[in-house]
Amino acid sequence: MAELRENLAKNKLLSGDSCVVLMGLDNADAIDQYGPGSHDGIWLEAEHGGVGFDEITNLTRACDVWGKTSITRVHQNQAGVIYRTLDRGSQGICVPHVNTAAEAKNVIKAGKFPPIGERGMFPGRQSYGVQDYFLKANDETLFIILIEDIVAINNLEEILAVNHIDVFFVAPSDLAASMGYIGRSAHQTVLDTINDALAKIVGSGKIAGTLVTDKNISHYREIGVRLFAAPVHNWISDGIESLVKKSNQN
């Protein structure tokens, strides 16, 4: 019989290490192309992007080939959306706009098998050939919630008290908009709010995550963030501009 695939990102985080998850790879060929990299996971965008249930199977299979954790950001905190995404093969779930403890508990209720949650006892894609899948799946599934509204910041203490959430991820853009700084996530008031929230997460003994670039990753690492989500287009765009600039130098 087969063994259940290891969730690389989750196990690294649980061991105290940090992990890097790439964003912006929206097809299996791209995931395959970047598979040899040393990143730990792939962020599949099903909230704002074009990833649907039909695509999740092949996208997550491409992640499996290279041992990368597949993390799908779903479009709503709804039980059917969460467990169907897991059934299709995603090793991780990222749920947007979790603003209360009750909403955080709903994520676990939908995504964990009994006795922790109420996920339906359906043998999804990751179960194939695994005899004791239902006994192991809870331990190998990564749960991330997005703290991306000022109401969530105000409720953060109660949200942090919810068990079985693996990563509390502070997302800057929507948070800035909810604070009245639309399109200005680099405003100092927003940055201070992000830093305070991340410090509170780390101080509570929980795992913090956030969006990073080459310019701010060192800062976030220093304050204790351990899950870094990095859009690949940032590096590609910077690389293009650098190449063009160097090509025009005399």
Protein backbone atom coordinates (compact mmCIF):
# COMPACT_ATOMS: atom_id res chain seq x y z
CA MET A 1 0.00 0.00 0.00
CA ALA A 2 1.05 3.60 -0.57
CA GLU A 3 1.92 6.08 2.15
CA LEU A 4 0.10 9.39 2.42
CA ARG A 5 2.20 12.13 0.83
CA GLU A 6 4.10 14.29 3.29
CA ASN A 7 2.95 17.88 3.62
CA LEU A 8 6.38 19.48 3.34
CA ALA A 9 5.36 23.01 4.28
CA LYS A 10 3.30 21.97 7.30
CA ASN A 11 5.95 19.65 8.67
CA LYS A 12 8.67 22.27 8.27
CA LEU A 13 6.55 24.81 10.11
CA LEU A 14 5.74 22.38 12.91
CA SER A 15 9.44 21.64 13.33
CA GLY A 16 10.16 25.35 13.81
CA ASP A 17 11.51 26.09 10.34
CA SER A 18 10.28 28.69 7.88
CA CYS A 19 8.88 27.99 4.44
CA VAL A 20 8.46 29.82 1.14
CA VAL A 21 5.35 29.49 -0.99
CA LEU A 22 5.31 30.74 -4.58
CA MET A 23 2.30 32.65 -5.90
CA GLY A 24 1.35 33.26 -9.52
CA LEU A 25 1.97 29.83 -11.08
CA ASP A 26 -1.45 29.10 -12.52
CA ASN A 27 -0.84 26.14 -14.79
CA ALA A 28 0.70 22.70 -14.38
CA ASP A 29 3.51 23.36 -16.86
CA ALA A 30 4.70 26.39 -14.89
CA ILE A 31 4.55 24.46 -11.61
CA ASP A 32 6.55 21.69 -13.28
CA GLN A 33 9.08 24.17 -14.70
CA TYR A 34 9.80 25.67 -11.29
CA GLY A 35 9.59 22.31 -9.52
CA PRO A 36 13.36 21.91 -9.04
CA GLY A 37 13.47 25.11 -6.96
CA SER A 38 14.02 25.05 -3.20
CA HIS A 39 10.64 26.57 -2.33
CA ASP A 40 8.29 24.51 -0.20
CA GLY A 41 4.87 25.08 -1.70
CA ILE A 42 2.70 26.51 -4.44
CA TRP A 43 -0.19 28.92 -3.84
CA LEU A 44 -3.09 28.11 -6.16
CA GLU A 45 -5.37 31.11 -6.68
CA ALA A 46 -9.03 30.11 -6.66
CA GLU A 47 -10.35 33.30 -5.06
CA HIS A 48 -9.18 35.94 -7.55
CA GLY A 49 -7.64 33.73 -10.23
CA GLY A 50 -8.97 31.25 -12.76
CA VAL A 51 -8.39 28.06 -10.78
CA GLY A 52 -11.60 26.04 -10.61
CA PHE A 53 -12.40 22.59 -9.27
CA ASP A 54 -11.62 21.03 -12.64
CA GLU A 55 -8.08 22.47 -12.61
CA ILE A 56 -7.21 21.65 -8.98
CA THR A 57 -6.56 17.98 -9.72
CA ASN A 58 -3.84 18.55 -12.32
CA LEU A 59 -2.34 21.55 -10.55
CA THR A 60 -1.98 19.66 -7.29
CA ARG A 61 -0.68 16.62 -9.13
CA ALA A 62 2.10 18.78 -10.59
CA CYS A 63 2.94 19.90 -7.05
CA ASP A 64 2.99 16.27 -5.91
CA VAL A 65 5.53 15.35 -8.60
CA TRP A 66 8.07 17.71 -7.02
CA GLY A 67 7.06 17.21 -3.40
CA LYS A 68 5.73 20.76 -3.06
CA THR A 69 2.78 21.49 -0.80
CA SER A 70 -0.26 22.64 -2.79
CA ILE A 71 -2.14 25.43 -1.01
CA THR A 72 -5.40 26.57 -2.58
CA ARG A 73 -6.89 29.91 -1.63
CA VAL A 74 -10.63 29.29 -1.90
CA HIS A 75 -13.16 31.99 -2.67
CA GLN A 76 -15.34 31.66 0.42
CA ASN A 77 -15.52 30.18 3.90
CA GLN A 78 -18.10 27.58 2.96
CA ALA A 79 -17.97 23.90 3.90
CA GLY A 80 -18.61 22.49 0.44
CA VAL A 81 -15.94 24.70 -1.13
CA ILE A 82 -13.35 23.74 1.49
CA TYR A 83 -13.82 19.98 1.55
CA ARG A 84 -14.30 19.69 -2.21
CA THR A 85 -10.99 21.50 -2.74
CA LEU A 86 -9.31 19.03 -0.39
CA ASP A 87 -11.06 16.11 -2.09
CA ARG A 88 -9.61 17.24 -5.42
CA GLY A 89 -6.09 16.90 -4.02
CA SER A 90 -5.00 20.15 -2.39
CA GLN A 91 -2.75 19.58 0.63
CA GLY A 92 -3.57 22.96 2.09
CA ILE A 93 -6.45 25.40 2.33
CA CYS A 94 -6.24 29.17 2.62
CA VAL A 95 -9.50 30.87 3.57
CA PRO A 96 -10.01 34.62 3.02
CA HIS A 97 -11.64 37.23 5.26
CA VAL A 98 -11.77 35.26 8.50
CA ASN A 99 -12.90 37.95 10.93
CA THR A 100 -14.13 36.12 14.03
CA ALA A 101 -13.38 33.05 16.10
CA ALA A 102 -16.62 31.49 14.86
CA GLU A 103 -15.50 31.89 11.25
CA ALA A 104 -12.10 30.36 12.07
CA LYS A 105 -13.82 27.40 13.73
CA ASN A 106 -15.93 26.93 10.61
CA VAL A 107 -12.74 26.39 8.57
CA ILE A 108 -11.68 23.53 10.83
CA LYS A 109 -15.19 22.11 11.03
CA ALA A 110 -15.33 21.90 7.23
CA GLY A 111 -11.77 20.76 6.58
CA LYS A 112 -10.94 18.25 9.31
CA PHE A 113 -12.29 14.72 9.50
CA PRO A 114 -14.00 13.57 12.71
CA PRO A 115 -13.48 13.71 15.60
CA ILE A 116 -11.95 17.18 15.13
CA GLY A 117 -14.22 18.39 12.34
CA GLU A 118 -17.12 17.29 10.18
CA ARG A 119 -15.51 16.82 6.76
CA GLY A 120 -17.41 14.19 4.80
CA MET A 121 -15.84 10.73 4.76
CA PHE A 122 -15.02 10.76 1.05
CA PRO A 123 -11.70 9.31 -0.18
CA GLY A 124 -10.26 12.22 -2.16
CA ARG A 125 -7.35 12.13 -4.61
CA GLN A 126 -4.64 12.10 -1.95
CA SER A 127 -6.15 8.92 -0.49
CA TYR A 128 -5.49 6.64 -3.47
CA GLY A 129 -3.70 3.52 -2.27
CA VAL A 130 -3.46 4.78 1.32
CA GLN A 131 -5.12 2.22 3.57
CA ASP A 132 -5.37 4.41 6.70
CA TYR A 133 -6.02 7.72 4.94
CA PHE A 134 -8.82 8.92 7.23
CA LEU A 135 -6.59 8.41 10.28
CA LYS A 136 -3.69 10.40 8.80
CA ALA A 137 -5.27 13.11 6.64
CA ASN A 138 -5.88 15.60 9.44
CA ASP A 139 -2.18 15.63 10.31
CA GLU A 140 -1.09 16.18 6.71
CA THR A 141 -3.50 19.01 5.81
CA LEU A 142 -2.40 22.63 6.19
CA PHE A 143 -4.94 25.25 7.29
CA ILE A 144 -4.26 28.96 6.71
CA ILE A 145 -6.65 31.78 7.48
CA LEU A 146 -6.28 35.31 6.17
CA ILE A 147 -6.35 38.22 8.59
CA GLU A 148 -7.16 40.91 6.06
CA ASP A 149 -9.82 43.18 7.56
CA ILE A 150 -9.56 45.68 10.39
CA VAL A 151 -12.38 43.85 12.16
CA ALA A 152 -10.17 40.74 12.21
CA ILE A 153 -7.35 42.79 13.70
CA ASN A 154 -9.72 43.97 16.42
CA ASN A 155 -10.81 40.36 17.04
CA LEU A 156 -7.34 38.85 16.72
CA GLU A 157 -7.00 37.67 20.30
CA GLU A 158 -10.15 35.55 20.09
CA ILE A 159 -9.22 34.25 16.64
CA LEU A 160 -5.80 33.15 17.89
CA ALA A 161 -7.51 31.04 20.54
CA VAL A 162 -9.00 28.74 17.87
CA ASN A 163 -7.23 25.38 17.73
CA HIS A 164 -5.92 23.58 14.64
CA ILE A 165 -5.30 26.68 12.52
CA ASP A 166 -1.73 26.21 11.28
CA VAL A 167 -0.96 29.70 9.97
CA PHE A 168 -2.46 33.12 10.68
CA PHE A 169 -1.63 35.09 7.53
CA VAL A 170 -1.80 38.89 7.55
CA ALA A 171 -2.69 40.09 4.05
CA PRO A 172 -1.78 43.73 3.35
CA SER A 173 -3.90 44.94 0.43
CA ASP A 174 -7.40 44.18 1.68
CA LEU A 175 -6.38 45.17 5.19
CA ALA A 176 -5.27 48.57 3.90
CA ALA A 177 -8.56 49.00 2.04
CA SER A 178 -10.56 48.13 5.15
CA MET A 179 -8.61 50.83 7.01
CA GLY A 180 -9.42 53.47 4.40
CA TYR A 181 -6.08 53.27 2.58
CA ILE A 182 -7.19 51.79 -0.73
CA GLY A 183 -4.18 50.95 -2.89
CA ARG A 184 -1.81 52.21 -0.18
CA SER A 185 -0.67 49.11 1.65
CA ALA A 186 2.74 50.75 2.17
CA HIS A 187 1.23 53.58 4.24
CA GLN A 188 2.97 53.70 7.60
CA THR A 189 -0.28 53.30 9.53
CA VAL A 190 -1.00 50.11 7.61
CA LEU A 191 2.55 48.82 8.06
CA ASP A 192 2.36 49.50 11.79
CA THR A 193 -0.92 47.59 11.99
CA ILE A 194 0.58 44.66 10.09
CA ASN A 195 3.66 44.61 12.30
CA ASP A 196 1.58 44.76 15.47
CA ALA A 197 -0.65 41.92 14.28
CA LEU A 198 2.29 39.74 13.30
CA ALA A 199 3.96 40.41 16.65
CA LYS A 200 0.77 39.41 18.46
CA ILE A 201 0.53 36.18 16.45
CA VAL A 202 4.14 35.28 17.13
CA GLY A 203 3.82 36.29 20.78
CA SER A 204 0.86 33.95 21.21
CA GLY A 205 3.00 31.01 20.10
CA LYS A 206 1.20 30.66 16.78
CA ILE A 207 2.69 30.68 13.27
CA ALA A 208 2.53 33.95 11.35
CA GLY A 209 2.59 34.36 7.60
CA THR A 210 2.50 37.29 5.21
CA LEU A 211 3.19 38.48 1.68
CA VAL A 212 6.84 39.25 1.04
CA THR A 213 9.19 40.78 -1.48
CA ASP A 214 12.95 40.76 -1.72
CA LYS A 215 12.95 44.13 0.07
CA ASN A 216 10.91 43.22 3.17
CA ILE A 217 11.47 39.52 3.78
CA SER A 218 14.41 40.13 6.12
CA HIS A 219 12.31 42.45 8.28
CA TYR A 220 9.48 39.94 8.57
CA ARG A 221 11.88 37.11 9.32
CA GLU A 222 13.39 39.15 12.15
CA ILE A 223 10.00 39.68 13.82
CA GLY A 224 9.23 35.97 13.71
CA VAL A 225 7.19 35.38 10.55
CA ARG A 226 7.73 31.83 9.26
CA LEU A 227 5.49 31.44 6.22
CA PHE A 228 6.50 33.69 3.34
CA ALA A 229 4.24 33.96 0.29
CA ALA A 230 6.08 35.42 -2.68
CA PRO A 231 4.53 36.40 -6.04
CA VAL A 232 6.86 35.22 -8.80
CA HIS A 233 5.89 38.12 -11.05
CA ASN A 234 7.72 40.51 -8.70
CA TRP A 235 11.04 38.80 -9.37
CA ILE A 236 10.33 38.41 -13.08
CA SER A 237 9.42 42.10 -13.44
CA ASP A 238 12.44 43.22 -11.43
CA GLY A 239 14.66 40.93 -13.46
CA ILE A 240 13.35 42.32 -16.74
CA GLU A 241 13.90 45.92 -15.63
CA SER A 242 17.39 45.11 -14.39
CA LEU A 243 18.27 43.38 -17.65
CA VAL A 244 16.97 46.25 -19.77
CA LYS A 245 18.81 48.80 -17.62
CA LYS A 246 22.09 46.89 -17.93
CA SER A 247 21.62 46.50 -21.69
CA ASN A 248 21.48 50.29 -22.06
CA GLN A 249 24.60 50.99 -20.05
CA ASN A 250 27.58 52.26 -21.98
